[in-house]
Amino acid sequence: MSRQLVQRGQTQTLVTYPVVRPGEDFVLDQPSAATAAVETEAADTAAAACTRDTASTVVNIGASEGDTSITLLAAIAQVRGRRLLLRATSGEQFMVRCALTQTSATLNLSSPIPMALPQYTAVRGVAISRALTALETAQDGPAKVQWTATISGQVLEWTEAFEVVRRVPRWELDEDELTRRFPEVLALRERNDLALDELRDAALEEELLPRLRARKIREADIVSTWPLVPAHVAACALFLMRGNSKRTKEDRDEARSDLEQKIDLALADVDGWYDSSQDEEADVDDARADFTSLGYSR
């Protein structure tokens, strides 16, 4: 899993979702209890109850494949970006992402649903969250949170890493920009990765960030990620190609070379978007203007 960055001195909220492990009989459902224990360079906090998304209702009016809103039987609290579990009466289930923060009987989604949903499809909140304290984030350094959740009578435990840093960069490659630069992604993505979040995160963590670290560039030192958008797109293409048995070694080598070239192009002039000393803020607007001509080619 990717390492989440947390800004120093802030009371940021960590959010996690129970993971379905392939090959096990465990069925993802709403946790009935959850705790979290946090370890940081500044403080260690023993396991204690944390917040669970307890939203629970059903689909009131059947939805069609491709719909971006669903009518529910009862209003539920929704948080933009949070995920909800949908389970049809026939057994199919998948996660959707809320597009709006609201309390409503209309569920607005960030991406179209991949299949038709009949009336009475279950809608459940499964997110678990834990707000960090200013004491816990008072010092830079690696940290971790130990989650424990009871789901369908089973106790699950998993650990997630995060890092307390001075600066948390905002990665600017969104769904629209990725599909504009790399339209083939719509045919290559995983069926349930509707907003391409999983692809962008995986490509960032497994392809782009390791190459930046090899060049002695820490993610926390990046002021503007706009110059790295072409490289992030190339990282997505390479990540998809690695799992495609129809692509040859030559195809993968070409994609790998393209990613390296995009990174080298961005690093040709780091002034304005990368601050290795973190002594002062760079001009993000100038950085964006300097790199607007960077394109993506395959």
Protein backbone atom coordinates (compact mmCIF):
# COMPACT_ATOMS: atom_id res chain seq x y z
CA MET A 1 0.00 0.00 0.00
CA SER A 2 1.09 3.59 -0.53
CA ARG A 3 2.56 5.68 2.27
CA GLN A 4 0.26 8.57 3.14
CA LEU A 5 1.81 11.94 3.91
CA VAL A 6 0.53 13.95 6.87
CA GLN A 7 1.42 17.58 7.38
CA ARG A 8 3.37 18.32 10.53
CA GLY A 9 1.36 19.79 13.41
CA GLN A 10 -2.01 19.12 11.75
CA THR A 11 -4.97 17.10 13.01
CA GLN A 12 -5.41 15.23 9.75
CA THR A 13 -7.86 12.33 9.56
CA LEU A 14 -6.65 8.93 8.38
CA VAL A 15 -9.24 6.88 6.48
CA THR A 16 -9.07 3.17 5.72
CA TYR A 17 -11.30 0.50 4.21
CA PRO A 18 -11.39 -3.20 5.14
CA VAL A 19 -9.63 -5.27 2.49
CA VAL A 20 -11.06 -8.39 0.88
CA ARG A 21 -8.28 -10.95 0.62
CA PRO A 22 -8.46 -13.21 -2.45
CA GLY A 23 -9.08 -16.85 -1.67
CA GLU A 24 -10.68 -16.27 1.72
CA ASP A 25 -14.31 -16.77 2.65
CA PHE A 26 -14.49 -13.39 4.34
CA VAL A 27 -17.19 -11.15 2.89
CA LEU A 28 -16.72 -7.39 3.06
CA ASP A 29 -19.43 -5.75 5.13
CA GLN A 30 -19.94 -2.88 7.53
CA PRO A 31 -17.65 -3.09 10.60
CA SER A 32 -19.48 -3.49 13.90
CA ALA A 33 -16.46 -2.22 15.88
CA ALA A 34 -13.09 -0.67 15.08
CA THR A 35 -10.01 0.57 16.93
CA ALA A 36 -6.76 2.22 15.91
CA ALA A 37 -3.34 2.45 17.58
CA VAL A 38 -0.94 5.12 16.31
CA GLU A 39 2.86 5.26 16.49
CA THR A 40 4.75 8.40 15.42
CA GLU A 41 8.14 9.93 16.14
CA ALA A 42 6.45 12.34 18.55
CA ALA A 43 4.06 10.06 20.44
CA ASP A 44 2.57 6.56 20.65
CA THR A 45 -1.14 6.17 21.33
CA ALA A 46 -2.68 2.89 22.50
CA ALA A 47 -5.54 1.29 20.60
CA ALA A 48 -8.85 3.07 21.10
CA ALA A 49 -12.23 3.12 19.40
CA CYS A 50 -12.32 5.15 16.21
CA THR A 51 -15.04 6.49 13.92
CA ARG A 52 -17.01 4.14 11.66
CA ASP A 53 -19.20 5.09 8.72
CA THR A 54 -22.54 3.65 9.84
CA ALA A 55 -24.56 4.68 6.76
CA SER A 56 -27.02 1.90 5.92
CA THR A 57 -29.94 1.89 3.51
CA VAL A 58 -31.08 0.31 0.22
CA VAL A 59 -31.65 1.45 -3.35
CA ASN A 60 -35.24 2.66 -3.68
CA ILE A 61 -35.45 2.97 -7.46
CA GLY A 62 -33.47 0.60 -9.70
CA ALA A 63 -30.50 2.20 -11.46
CA SER A 64 -29.14 1.51 -14.93
CA GLU A 65 -25.55 0.80 -15.93
CA GLY A 66 -23.78 4.10 -16.46
CA ASP A 67 -25.91 6.11 -14.01
CA THR A 68 -24.06 8.63 -11.84
CA SER A 69 -26.79 9.05 -9.23
CA ILE A 70 -28.85 6.56 -7.25
CA THR A 71 -32.11 7.12 -5.40
CA LEU A 72 -32.02 5.66 -1.88
CA LEU A 73 -34.80 4.64 0.45
CA ALA A 74 -33.52 6.89 3.24
CA ALA A 75 -31.18 9.85 3.47
CA ILE A 76 -27.61 9.08 4.55
CA ALA A 77 -24.62 11.25 5.39
CA GLN A 78 -22.15 11.34 2.49
CA VAL A 79 -18.60 12.72 2.36
CA ARG A 80 -17.03 13.68 -0.96
CA GLY A 81 -14.35 11.14 -1.89
CA ARG A 82 -15.49 8.52 0.64
CA ARG A 83 -16.43 5.09 -0.61
CA LEU A 84 -19.60 3.10 -0.02
CA LEU A 85 -20.24 -0.60 -0.56
CA LEU A 86 -23.09 -1.60 -2.87
CA ARG A 87 -24.29 -5.22 -2.78
CA ALA A 88 -27.05 -6.36 -5.13
CA THR A 89 -29.58 -8.97 -4.04
CA SER A 90 -28.01 -11.31 -6.63
CA GLY A 91 -24.69 -11.15 -4.77
CA GLU A 92 -22.57 -8.79 -6.91
CA GLN A 93 -20.83 -6.09 -4.93
CA PHE A 94 -18.51 -3.17 -5.64
CA MET A 95 -17.41 0.13 -4.15
CA VAL A 96 -18.53 3.58 -5.30
CA ARG A 97 -17.15 7.01 -4.47
CA CYS A 98 -19.31 9.91 -3.25
CA ALA A 99 -19.18 13.01 -5.43
CA LEU A 100 -20.72 15.43 -2.91
CA THR A 101 -20.68 16.07 0.83
CA GLN A 102 -24.31 16.05 1.83
CA THR A 103 -27.04 14.28 3.77
CA SER A 104 -29.50 13.14 1.15
CA ALA A 105 -31.53 10.27 -0.27
CA THR A 106 -29.78 10.91 -3.59
CA LEU A 107 -26.35 9.33 -3.86
CA ASN A 108 -24.25 11.30 -6.34
CA LEU A 109 -21.25 9.34 -7.64
CA SER A 110 -17.89 10.46 -9.00
CA SER A 111 -18.08 7.84 -11.81
CA PRO A 112 -20.80 5.84 -13.59
CA ILE A 113 -21.80 2.51 -12.06
CA PRO A 114 -20.55 -0.56 -14.00
CA MET A 115 -23.79 -2.53 -13.85
CA ALA A 116 -27.54 -2.14 -13.39
CA LEU A 117 -28.71 -2.15 -9.77
CA PRO A 118 -32.13 -3.52 -8.80
CA GLN A 119 -34.33 -2.10 -6.09
CA TYR A 120 -33.28 -3.12 -2.56
CA THR A 121 -29.56 -3.23 -3.41
CA ALA A 122 -27.81 -2.71 -0.06
CA VAL A 123 -25.83 0.50 0.46
CA ARG A 124 -23.38 0.41 3.37
CA GLY A 125 -20.72 2.69 4.73
CA VAL A 126 -17.49 0.75 5.44
CA ALA A 127 -14.94 3.52 6.00
CA ILE A 128 -13.02 3.65 9.29
CA SER A 129 -11.35 6.90 10.31
CA ARG A 130 -9.06 8.22 13.02
CA ALA A 131 -8.22 11.90 13.56
CA LEU A 132 -4.58 12.45 14.48
CA THR A 133 -3.72 14.88 17.25
CA ALA A 134 -1.33 17.82 17.01
CA LEU A 135 0.86 16.04 19.56
CA GLU A 136 1.11 12.92 17.39
CA THR A 137 2.11 14.96 14.33
CA ALA A 138 4.47 17.36 16.13
CA GLN A 139 7.62 15.78 14.68
CA ASP A 140 8.62 14.73 11.17
CA GLY A 141 9.27 11.08 10.47
CA PRO A 142 7.81 7.67 9.60
CA ALA A 143 4.69 6.53 11.43
CA LYS A 144 2.08 3.80 11.32
CA VAL A 145 -1.46 3.01 12.39
CA GLN A 146 -2.65 -0.44 13.46
CA TRP A 147 -6.31 -0.95 12.54
CA THR A 148 -8.53 -3.62 14.11
CA ALA A 149 -12.09 -4.17 12.93
CA THR A 150 -14.84 -6.69 13.68
CA ILE A 151 -16.79 -7.57 10.53
CA SER A 152 -19.38 -10.35 10.26
CA GLY A 153 -18.08 -11.75 13.55
CA GLN A 154 -14.46 -11.90 12.37
CA VAL A 155 -11.65 -9.76 13.78
CA LEU A 156 -9.34 -8.34 11.12
CA GLU A 157 -6.08 -6.49 11.70
CA TRP A 158 -3.96 -4.54 9.24
CA THR A 159 -1.21 -1.93 9.43
CA GLU A 160 -0.84 1.15 7.27
CA ALA A 161 2.19 3.40 7.09
CA PHE A 162 2.19 7.16 6.88
CA GLU A 163 4.80 9.87 7.21
CA VAL A 164 4.70 13.20 9.00
CA VAL A 165 6.26 15.86 6.75
CA ARG A 166 6.49 19.61 6.43
CA ARG A 167 4.75 19.68 3.04
CA VAL A 168 2.13 17.45 1.42
CA PRO A 169 2.15 17.83 -2.39
CA ARG A 170 -1.08 17.75 -4.35
CA TRP A 171 -0.79 15.41 -7.33
CA GLU A 172 -2.54 17.19 -10.17
CA LEU A 173 -3.19 14.29 -12.54
CA ASP A 174 -6.96 13.84 -12.30
CA GLU A 175 -9.31 11.57 -14.23
CA ASP A 176 -10.03 14.13 -16.96
CA GLU A 177 -6.37 14.94 -17.56
CA LEU A 178 -5.39 11.27 -17.68
CA THR A 179 -8.09 10.35 -20.19
CA ARG A 180 -7.29 13.40 -22.32
CA ARG A 181 -3.60 12.51 -22.56
CA PHE A 182 -4.07 8.73 -22.60
CA PRO A 183 -7.57 7.88 -23.97
CA GLU A 184 -6.72 4.17 -24.27
CA VAL A 185 -6.86 3.96 -20.49
CA LEU A 186 -10.65 3.72 -20.60
CA ALA A 187 -10.38 0.35 -22.32
CA LEU A 188 -7.44 -0.90 -20.25
CA ARG A 189 -8.48 0.01 -16.71
CA GLU A 190 -9.89 -2.43 -14.19
CA ARG A 191 -13.67 -2.72 -14.45
CA ASN A 192 -14.32 -1.37 -10.96
CA ASP A 193 -11.72 1.41 -11.15
CA LEU A 194 -14.33 3.83 -12.41
CA ALA A 195 -12.57 7.08 -11.47
CA LEU A 196 -9.09 5.66 -12.21
CA ASP A 197 -8.09 6.34 -8.60
CA GLU A 198 -6.55 2.93 -8.06
CA LEU A 199 -4.54 3.18 -11.28
CA ARG A 200 -3.22 6.67 -10.54
CA ASP A 201 -2.30 5.72 -6.98
CA ALA A 202 -0.64 2.45 -7.97
CA ALA A 203 1.32 4.04 -10.84
CA LEU A 204 2.46 6.82 -8.53
CA GLU A 205 3.59 4.49 -5.75
CA GLU A 206 5.06 1.67 -7.83
CA GLU A 207 6.47 3.43 -10.89
CA LEU A 208 6.94 7.18 -10.46
CA LEU A 209 7.87 7.76 -6.82
CA PRO A 210 10.60 5.05 -6.71
CA ARG A 211 12.26 6.67 -9.72
CA LEU A 212 12.10 10.09 -8.09
CA ARG A 213 13.57 8.69 -4.87
CA ALA A 214 16.39 7.12 -6.90
CA ARG A 215 17.14 10.63 -8.11
CA LYS A 216 17.23 11.85 -4.48
CA ILE A 217 13.86 13.64 -4.73
CA ARG A 218 11.57 13.25 -1.73
CA GLU A 219 7.84 13.57 -2.31
CA ALA A 220 7.61 16.00 0.62
CA ASP A 221 10.05 18.37 -1.15
CA ILE A 222 7.83 18.79 -4.22
CA VAL A 223 6.06 22.15 -4.25
CA SER A 224 4.17 21.74 -7.54
CA THR A 225 3.50 18.39 -9.22
CA TRP A 226 2.33 19.94 -12.49
CA PRO A 227 5.70 19.40 -14.23
CA LEU A 228 5.40 15.68 -13.41
CA VAL A 229 1.95 15.19 -14.97
CA PRO A 230 3.38 13.75 -18.24
CA ALA A 231 5.57 11.38 -16.22
CA HIS A 232 2.59 10.34 -14.08
CA VAL A 233 0.62 9.54 -17.26
CA ALA A 234 3.55 7.51 -18.59
CA ALA A 235 3.72 5.70 -15.25
CA CYS A 236 0.05 4.74 -15.62
CA ALA A 237 0.73 3.35 -19.11
CA LEU A 238 3.70 1.32 -17.87
CA PHE A 239 1.76 -0.01 -14.87
CA LEU A 240 -1.07 -1.23 -17.11
CA MET A 241 1.40 -2.80 -19.54
CA ARG A 242 3.12 -4.83 -16.83
CA GLY A 243 -0.07 -6.83 -16.25
CA ASN A 244 -0.98 -7.21 -19.92
CA SER A 245 0.13 -10.57 -21.30
CA LYS A 246 -0.54 -9.39 -24.86
CA ARG A 247 2.27 -6.82 -24.66
CA THR A 248 5.80 -7.88 -25.54
CA LYS A 249 9.02 -7.20 -23.69
CA GLU A 250 9.85 -4.63 -26.36
CA ASP A 251 6.57 -2.83 -25.64
CA ARG A 252 7.34 -2.73 -21.94
CA ASP A 253 10.90 -1.54 -22.56
CA GLU A 254 9.57 1.25 -24.76
CA ALA A 255 7.05 2.30 -22.10
CA ARG A 256 9.76 2.21 -19.43
CA SER A 257 12.04 4.34 -21.59
CA ASP A 258 9.22 6.82 -22.23
CA LEU A 259 8.66 7.20 -18.48
CA GLU A 260 12.37 7.79 -17.85
CA GLN A 261 12.46 10.42 -20.60
CA LYS A 262 9.43 12.23 -19.18
CA ILE A 263 11.08 12.35 -15.75
CA ASP A 264 14.37 13.59 -17.21
CA LEU A 265 12.51 16.31 -19.11
CA ALA A 266 10.79 17.48 -15.93
CA LEU A 267 14.09 17.45 -14.06
CA ALA A 268 15.92 19.45 -16.72
CA ASP A 269 15.03 22.56 -14.71
CA VAL A 270 13.78 22.00 -11.16
CA ASP A 271 13.77 25.70 -10.24
CA GLY A 272 10.32 26.80 -9.19
CA TRP A 273 8.71 23.45 -8.42
CA TYR A 274 11.18 21.47 -6.34
CA ASP A 275 12.69 22.73 -3.10
CA SER A 276 15.32 20.37 -1.75
CA SER A 277 16.12 22.58 1.23
CA GLN A 278 12.51 23.52 1.99
CA ASP A 279 13.82 26.92 3.09
CA GLU A 280 11.29 28.91 1.10
CA GLU A 281 8.19 28.37 -0.99
CA ALA A 282 8.69 28.23 -4.75
CA ASP A 283 6.41 30.02 -7.21
CA VAL A 284 3.91 27.32 -8.16
CA ASP A 285 2.19 29.50 -10.80
CA ASP A 286 5.50 30.06 -12.59
CA ALA A 287 6.21 26.34 -12.44
CA ARG A 288 2.87 25.52 -14.06
CA ALA A 289 3.46 28.12 -16.81
CA ASP A 290 6.95 26.83 -17.55
CA PHE A 291 5.73 23.29 -18.18
CA THR A 292 2.40 23.78 -19.96
CA SER A 293 3.98 22.72 -23.25
CA LEU A 294 4.96 19.27 -21.97
CA GLY A 295 2.97 16.62 -23.81
CA TYR A 296 2.49 12.88 -23.67
CA SER A 297 3.22 10.67 -26.65
CA ARG A 298 3.10 6.94 -27.07
